[in-house]
Amino acid sequence: MEIPSELSPAKLLSLDVLQSQLQACGQGVKVYTGCRLYPPDRICVGDYSQIDEGVRIYAGQGVTIGRYVHLAFDCSISGGGQCVIRDFAGLGAGVRLITGSENIDGSGLTNPTVPESLRRVERGQVIIGAHAVIFTNSIVLPGVTVGDGAVVSAGSVVHRDLKPWCVYAGNPLVQVGIRPRDNILRLAVPLNHEP
């Protein structure tokens, strides 16, 4: 018996299609059908990165994804600002990177049904450092930098910059540990020198 497409795993988009549509696309990139990448000409994806089914990227001012980055099912990048995800970073299922938000101070109206001239949207940049890991259903707000190697526990709201190689948890978010920086960087050395 044939499995209906709704119950089947997603298929990979061809590398030829990705390289012709994205602003830049490296080798060995895996992007599954069922994701949304818009507009593709503002998205760069580095070598061996993977974007799972259900991911939504609304590139706004641009999205740059480094090498060996994984965006798990149902992640999203939105808000109209800029996003940079550096090498070896990982986003768990349902992670939200928000690069812009409505200003509610009364200087404009809110929501995208209102003409642009009457809205006041503040857009910023979100930077996810190399080797950073953001676990399931966490939210990173506009203007935040998650330092290299930092870890964010599941369900967290990241409203401020996070120090490199620290582990964060809770709401409000607090540092709960430190990662073994030297060992992680040593393990990545062979991948950093690939041709």
C-alpha atoms as a PDB file:
ATOM      1  CA  MET A   1       0.000   0.000   0.000  1.00  0.00           C
ATOM      2  CA  GLU A   2       1.311   3.434  -0.958  1.00  0.00           C
ATOM      3  CA  ILE A   3       1.735   5.982   1.842  1.00  0.00           C
ATOM      4  CA  PRO A   4      -0.132   9.261   1.213  1.00  0.00           C
ATOM      5  CA  SER A   5       2.165  12.263   0.729  1.00  0.00           C
ATOM      6  CA  GLU A   6       0.798  13.867   3.926  1.00  0.00           C
ATOM      7  CA  LEU A   7       2.195  10.953   5.926  1.00  0.00           C
ATOM      8  CA  SER A   8       5.490  10.634   4.066  1.00  0.00           C
ATOM      9  CA  PRO A   9       8.761  12.246   5.063  1.00  0.00           C
ATOM     10  CA  ALA A  10       9.731  15.368   3.161  1.00  0.00           C
ATOM     11  CA  LYS A  11      12.083  15.206   0.218  1.00  0.00           C
ATOM     12  CA  LEU A  12      15.187  17.301  -0.331  1.00  0.00           C
ATOM     13  CA  LEU A  13      15.166  20.245  -2.698  1.00  0.00           C
ATOM     14  CA  SER A  14      17.809  19.863  -5.378  1.00  0.00           C
ATOM     15  CA  LEU A  15      21.103  21.650  -4.837  1.00  0.00           C
ATOM     16  CA  ASP A  16      20.795  23.076  -8.368  1.00  0.00           C
ATOM     17  CA  VAL A  17      17.508  24.773  -7.457  1.00  0.00           C
ATOM     18  CA  LEU A  18      18.931  26.115  -4.196  1.00  0.00           C
ATOM     19  CA  GLN A  19      22.060  27.466  -5.880  1.00  0.00           C
ATOM     20  CA  SER A  20      20.002  29.164  -8.595  1.00  0.00           C
ATOM     21  CA  GLN A  21      17.497  30.767  -6.196  1.00  0.00           C
ATOM     22  CA  LEU A  22      19.354  31.624  -2.985  1.00  0.00           C
ATOM     23  CA  GLN A  23      21.752  34.564  -2.786  1.00  0.00           C
ATOM     24  CA  ALA A  24      24.442  31.984  -1.932  1.00  0.00           C
ATOM     25  CA  CYS A  25      24.353  28.251  -1.283  1.00  0.00           C
ATOM     26  CA  GLY A  26      27.311  26.068  -0.362  1.00  0.00           C
ATOM     27  CA  GLN A  27      28.038  22.449  -1.086  1.00  0.00           C
ATOM     28  CA  GLY A  28      26.287  19.598   0.699  1.00  0.00           C
ATOM     29  CA  VAL A  29      23.379  21.802   1.822  1.00  0.00           C
ATOM     30  CA  LYS A  30      20.149  19.955   2.692  1.00  0.00           C
ATOM     31  CA  VAL A  31      16.866  21.841   2.510  1.00  0.00           C
ATOM     32  CA  TYR A  32      13.663  19.826   2.828  1.00  0.00           C
ATOM     33  CA  THR A  33      10.450  20.485   0.961  1.00  0.00           C
ATOM     34  CA  GLY A  34       7.730  21.953   3.125  1.00  0.00           C
ATOM     35  CA  CYS A  35       9.861  24.845   4.352  1.00  0.00           C
ATOM     36  CA  ARG A  36       9.397  28.471   3.292  1.00  0.00           C
ATOM     37  CA  LEU A  37      12.400  30.630   2.336  1.00  0.00           C
ATOM     38  CA  TYR A  38      11.311  34.131   1.341  1.00  0.00           C
ATOM     39  CA  PRO A  39      12.677  36.046  -0.449  1.00  0.00           C
ATOM     40  CA  PRO A  40      15.306  33.515  -1.464  1.00  0.00           C
ATOM     41  CA  ASP A  41      17.644  36.132  -2.933  1.00  0.00           C
ATOM     42  CA  ARG A  42      18.264  37.520   0.586  1.00  0.00           C
ATOM     43  CA  ILE A  43      19.279  34.163   2.084  1.00  0.00           C
ATOM     44  CA  CYS A  44      22.805  32.691   2.199  1.00  0.00           C
ATOM     45  CA  VAL A  45      23.390  29.122   3.387  1.00  0.00           C
ATOM     46  CA  GLY A  46      26.876  27.744   4.069  1.00  0.00           C
ATOM     47  CA  ASP A  47      28.329  24.311   3.336  1.00  0.00           C
ATOM     48  CA  TYR A  48      26.690  21.227   4.890  1.00  0.00           C
ATOM     49  CA  SER A  49      23.920  23.121   6.649  1.00  0.00           C
ATOM     50  CA  GLN A  50      20.439  21.610   6.980  1.00  0.00           C
ATOM     51  CA  ILE A  51      17.012  23.260   7.010  1.00  0.00           C
ATOM     52  CA  ASP A  52      14.234  20.868   8.013  1.00  0.00           C
ATOM     53  CA  GLU A  53      10.645  20.673   6.839  1.00  0.00           C
ATOM     54  CA  GLY A  54       8.376  23.263   8.426  1.00  0.00           C
ATOM     55  CA  VAL A  55      11.085  25.923   8.840  1.00  0.00           C
ATOM     56  CA  ARG A  56       9.983  29.450   7.916  1.00  0.00           C
ATOM     57  CA  ILE A  57      12.541  32.102   7.012  1.00  0.00           C
ATOM     58  CA  TYR A  58      11.266  35.579   6.159  1.00  0.00           C
ATOM     59  CA  ALA A  59      14.571  37.174   5.285  1.00  0.00           C
ATOM     60  CA  GLY A  60      13.722  40.865   5.690  1.00  0.00           C
ATOM     61  CA  GLN A  61      17.069  42.685   5.503  1.00  0.00           C
ATOM     62  CA  GLY A  62      18.928  39.393   5.013  1.00  0.00           C
ATOM     63  CA  VAL A  63      19.677  36.025   6.597  1.00  0.00           C
ATOM     64  CA  THR A  64      23.148  34.480   6.590  1.00  0.00           C
ATOM     65  CA  ILE A  65      23.488  30.882   7.770  1.00  0.00           C
ATOM     66  CA  GLY A  66      27.005  29.556   8.265  1.00  0.00           C
ATOM     67  CA  ARG A  67      28.491  26.103   7.701  1.00  0.00           C
ATOM     68  CA  TYR A  68      27.235  22.978   9.520  1.00  0.00           C
ATOM     69  CA  VAL A  69      24.184  24.785  10.899  1.00  0.00           C
ATOM     70  CA  HIS A  70      20.953  22.914  11.660  1.00  0.00           C
ATOM     71  CA  LEU A  71      17.495  24.502  11.775  1.00  0.00           C
ATOM     72  CA  ALA A  72      15.089  21.871  13.152  1.00  0.00           C
ATOM     73  CA  PHE A  73      11.433  21.396  12.296  1.00  0.00           C
ATOM     74  CA  ASP A  74       9.161  24.417  12.802  1.00  0.00           C
ATOM     75  CA  CYS A  75      11.923  27.006  13.465  1.00  0.00           C
ATOM     76  CA  SER A  76      11.307  30.496  12.179  1.00  0.00           C
ATOM     77  CA  ILE A  77      13.192  33.689  11.465  1.00  0.00           C
ATOM     78  CA  SER A  78      10.929  36.717  11.072  1.00  0.00           C
ATOM     79  CA  GLY A  79      10.531  40.399  11.815  1.00  0.00           C
ATOM     80  CA  GLY A  80      12.061  42.087   8.793  1.00  0.00           C
ATOM     81  CA  GLY A  81      15.517  42.749  10.277  1.00  0.00           C
ATOM     82  CA  GLN A  82      18.796  40.916   9.754  1.00  0.00           C
ATOM     83  CA  CYS A  83      19.876  37.523  11.110  1.00  0.00           C
ATOM     84  CA  VAL A  84      23.313  35.889  11.176  1.00  0.00           C
ATOM     85  CA  ILE A  85      23.772  32.303  12.338  1.00  0.00           C
ATOM     86  CA  ARG A  86      27.440  31.345  12.520  1.00  0.00           C
ATOM     87  CA  ASP A  87      29.132  27.976  11.853  1.00  0.00           C
ATOM     88  CA  PHE A  88      28.150  24.839  13.809  1.00  0.00           C
ATOM     89  CA  ALA A  89      25.147  26.471  15.508  1.00  0.00           C
ATOM     90  CA  GLY A  90      21.927  24.558  16.075  1.00  0.00           C
ATOM     91  CA  LEU A  91      18.322  25.605  16.554  1.00  0.00           C
ATOM     92  CA  GLY A  92      15.922  23.082  18.099  1.00  0.00           C
ATOM     93  CA  ALA A  93      12.340  22.506  16.997  1.00  0.00           C
ATOM     94  CA  GLY A  94      10.095  25.526  17.298  1.00  0.00           C
ATOM     95  CA  VAL A  95      12.831  28.091  17.983  1.00  0.00           C
ATOM     96  CA  ARG A  96      11.837  31.642  17.016  1.00  0.00           C
ATOM     97  CA  LEU A  97      14.381  34.283  16.017  1.00  0.00           C
ATOM     98  CA  ILE A  98      12.612  37.648  15.931  1.00  0.00           C
ATOM     99  CA  THR A  99      14.462  40.449  14.115  1.00  0.00           C
ATOM    100  CA  GLY A 100      11.814  43.162  14.406  1.00  0.00           C
ATOM    101  CA  SER A 101       8.745  44.107  16.374  1.00  0.00           C
ATOM    102  CA  GLU A 102       5.915  46.628  16.418  1.00  0.00           C
ATOM    103  CA  ASN A 103       6.516  49.779  18.482  1.00  0.00           C
ATOM    104  CA  ILE A 104       3.540  50.166  20.835  1.00  0.00           C
ATOM    105  CA  ASP A 105       4.389  53.668  22.141  1.00  0.00           C
ATOM    106  CA  GLY A 106       1.512  55.256  20.208  1.00  0.00           C
ATOM    107  CA  SER A 107       3.677  56.670  17.415  1.00  0.00           C
ATOM    108  CA  GLY A 108       2.079  54.338  14.879  1.00  0.00           C
ATOM    109  CA  LEU A 109      -0.507  51.683  14.308  1.00  0.00           C
ATOM    110  CA  THR A 110       0.315  48.005  14.584  1.00  0.00           C
ATOM    111  CA  ASN A 111      -0.026  44.915  12.357  1.00  0.00           C
ATOM    112  CA  PRO A 112       0.727  44.285   8.697  1.00  0.00           C
ATOM    113  CA  THR A 113      -2.786  45.124   7.468  1.00  0.00           C
ATOM    114  CA  VAL A 114      -2.086  48.818   8.187  1.00  0.00           C
ATOM    115  CA  PRO A 115      -0.333  50.883   5.480  1.00  0.00           C
ATOM    116  CA  GLU A 116       3.442  50.963   6.012  1.00  0.00           C
ATOM    117  CA  SER A 117       3.444  54.768   6.390  1.00  0.00           C
ATOM    118  CA  LEU A 118       1.263  54.491   9.506  1.00  0.00           C
ATOM    119  CA  ARG A 119       3.259  51.737  11.216  1.00  0.00           C
ATOM    120  CA  ARG A 120       6.317  51.990  13.485  1.00  0.00           C
ATOM    121  CA  VAL A 121       8.277  48.758  13.300  1.00  0.00           C
ATOM    122  CA  GLU A 122      11.668  48.566  15.001  1.00  0.00           C
ATOM    123  CA  ARG A 123      13.988  46.193  13.206  1.00  0.00           C
ATOM    124  CA  GLY A 124      17.312  44.948  14.480  1.00  0.00           C
ATOM    125  CA  GLN A 125      19.843  42.208  14.079  1.00  0.00           C
ATOM    126  CA  VAL A 126      19.959  38.798  15.740  1.00  0.00           C
ATOM    127  CA  ILE A 127      23.340  37.076  15.838  1.00  0.00           C
ATOM    128  CA  ILE A 128      23.732  33.443  16.866  1.00  0.00           C
ATOM    129  CA  GLY A 129      27.393  32.696  17.531  1.00  0.00           C
ATOM    130  CA  ALA A 130      29.406  29.728  16.276  1.00  0.00           C
ATOM    131  CA  HIS A 131      28.718  26.480  18.167  1.00  0.00           C
ATOM    132  CA  ALA A 132      25.731  28.040  19.969  1.00  0.00           C
ATOM    133  CA  VAL A 133      22.770  25.753  20.691  1.00  0.00           C
ATOM    134  CA  ILE A 134      19.250  27.042  21.215  1.00  0.00           C
ATOM    135  CA  PHE A 135      16.892  24.334  22.393  1.00  0.00           C
ATOM    136  CA  THR A 136      13.224  23.704  21.594  1.00  0.00           C
ATOM    137  CA  ASN A 137      10.628  26.481  21.673  1.00  0.00           C
ATOM    138  CA  SER A 138      12.999  29.232  22.763  1.00  0.00           C
ATOM    139  CA  ILE A 139      12.514  32.793  21.526  1.00  0.00           C
ATOM    140  CA  VAL A 140      15.342  35.216  20.718  1.00  0.00           C
ATOM    141  CA  LEU A 141      14.217  38.855  20.577  1.00  0.00           C
ATOM    142  CA  PRO A 142      15.476  41.642  18.251  1.00  0.00           C
ATOM    143  CA  GLY A 143      18.916  43.119  18.847  1.00  0.00           C
ATOM    144  CA  VAL A 144      20.264  40.093  20.725  1.00  0.00           C
ATOM    145  CA  THR A 145      23.635  38.411  20.244  1.00  0.00           C
ATOM    146  CA  VAL A 146      23.981  34.840  21.526  1.00  0.00           C
ATOM    147  CA  GLY A 147      27.714  34.413  22.095  1.00  0.00           C
ATOM    148  CA  ASP A 148      29.847  31.670  20.552  1.00  0.00           C
ATOM    149  CA  GLY A 149      29.192  28.314  22.191  1.00  0.00           C
ATOM    150  CA  ALA A 150      26.359  29.585  24.381  1.00  0.00           C
ATOM    151  CA  VAL A 151      23.485  27.216  25.186  1.00  0.00           C
ATOM    152  CA  VAL A 152      19.875  28.261  25.743  1.00  0.00           C
ATOM    153  CA  SER A 153      17.617  25.731  27.463  1.00  0.00           C
ATOM    154  CA  ALA A 154      14.194  24.786  26.068  1.00  0.00           C
ATOM    155  CA  GLY A 155      11.385  27.280  26.408  1.00  0.00           C
ATOM    156  CA  SER A 156      13.576  30.272  27.237  1.00  0.00           C
ATOM    157  CA  VAL A 157      13.029  33.892  26.217  1.00  0.00           C
ATOM    158  CA  VAL A 158      16.324  35.555  25.287  1.00  0.00           C
ATOM    159  CA  HIS A 159      15.921  39.323  25.722  1.00  0.00           C
ATOM    160  CA  ARG A 160      19.587  40.308  26.204  1.00  0.00           C
ATOM    161  CA  ASP A 161      23.024  39.391  24.885  1.00  0.00           C
ATOM    162  CA  LEU A 162      24.457  36.102  26.157  1.00  0.00           C
ATOM    163  CA  LYS A 163      28.116  35.538  27.017  1.00  0.00           C
ATOM    164  CA  PRO A 164      30.146  33.023  25.007  1.00  0.00           C
ATOM    165  CA  TRP A 165      30.413  29.420  26.234  1.00  0.00           C
ATOM    166  CA  CYS A 166      27.842  29.830  29.008  1.00  0.00           C
ATOM    167  CA  VAL A 167      24.701  27.753  29.592  1.00  0.00           C
ATOM    168  CA  TYR A 168      21.454  29.623  30.263  1.00  0.00           C
ATOM    169  CA  ALA A 169      18.060  28.460  31.526  1.00  0.00           C
ATOM    170  CA  GLY A 170      14.820  29.690  33.011  1.00  0.00           C
ATOM    171  CA  ASN A 171      12.508  32.651  32.780  1.00  0.00           C
ATOM    172  CA  PRO A 172      13.971  35.046  33.609  1.00  0.00           C
ATOM    173  CA  LEU A 173      17.043  33.692  31.867  1.00  0.00           C
ATOM    174  CA  VAL A 174      20.037  33.067  34.146  1.00  0.00           C
ATOM    175  CA  GLN A 175      23.450  31.490  33.637  1.00  0.00           C
ATOM    176  CA  VAL A 176      23.519  27.963  35.053  1.00  0.00           C
ATOM    177  CA  GLY A 177      26.809  26.592  33.702  1.00  0.00           C
ATOM    178  CA  ILE A 178      29.789  26.759  31.365  1.00  0.00           C
ATOM    179  CA  ARG A 179      30.577  24.670  28.260  1.00  0.00           C
ATOM    180  CA  PRO A 180      33.962  23.019  27.537  1.00  0.00           C
ATOM    181  CA  ARG A 181      35.145  25.481  24.886  1.00  0.00           C
ATOM    182  CA  ASP A 182      38.563  23.977  24.104  1.00  0.00           C
ATOM    183  CA  ASN A 183      37.249  20.452  23.556  1.00  0.00           C
ATOM    184  CA  ILE A 184      34.431  21.619  21.245  1.00  0.00           C
ATOM    185  CA  LEU A 185      36.794  23.753  19.164  1.00  0.00           C
ATOM    186  CA  ARG A 186      39.287  20.857  18.960  1.00  0.00           C
ATOM    187  CA  LEU A 187      36.552  18.530  17.660  1.00  0.00           C
ATOM    188  CA  ALA A 188      35.654  21.046  14.918  1.00  0.00           C
ATOM    189  CA  VAL A 189      39.226  21.445  13.606  1.00  0.00           C
ATOM    190  CA  PRO A 190      39.010  18.774  10.876  1.00  0.00           C
ATOM    191  CA  LEU A 191      35.786  20.321   9.530  1.00  0.00           C
ATOM    192  CA  ASN A 192      37.305  23.805   9.490  1.00  0.00           C
ATOM    193  CA  HIS A 193      40.027  22.655   7.100  1.00  0.00           C
ATOM    194  CA  GLU A 194      37.932  20.812   4.531  1.00  0.00           C
ATOM    195  CA  PRO A 195      38.648  21.721   0.903  1.00  0.00           C
END
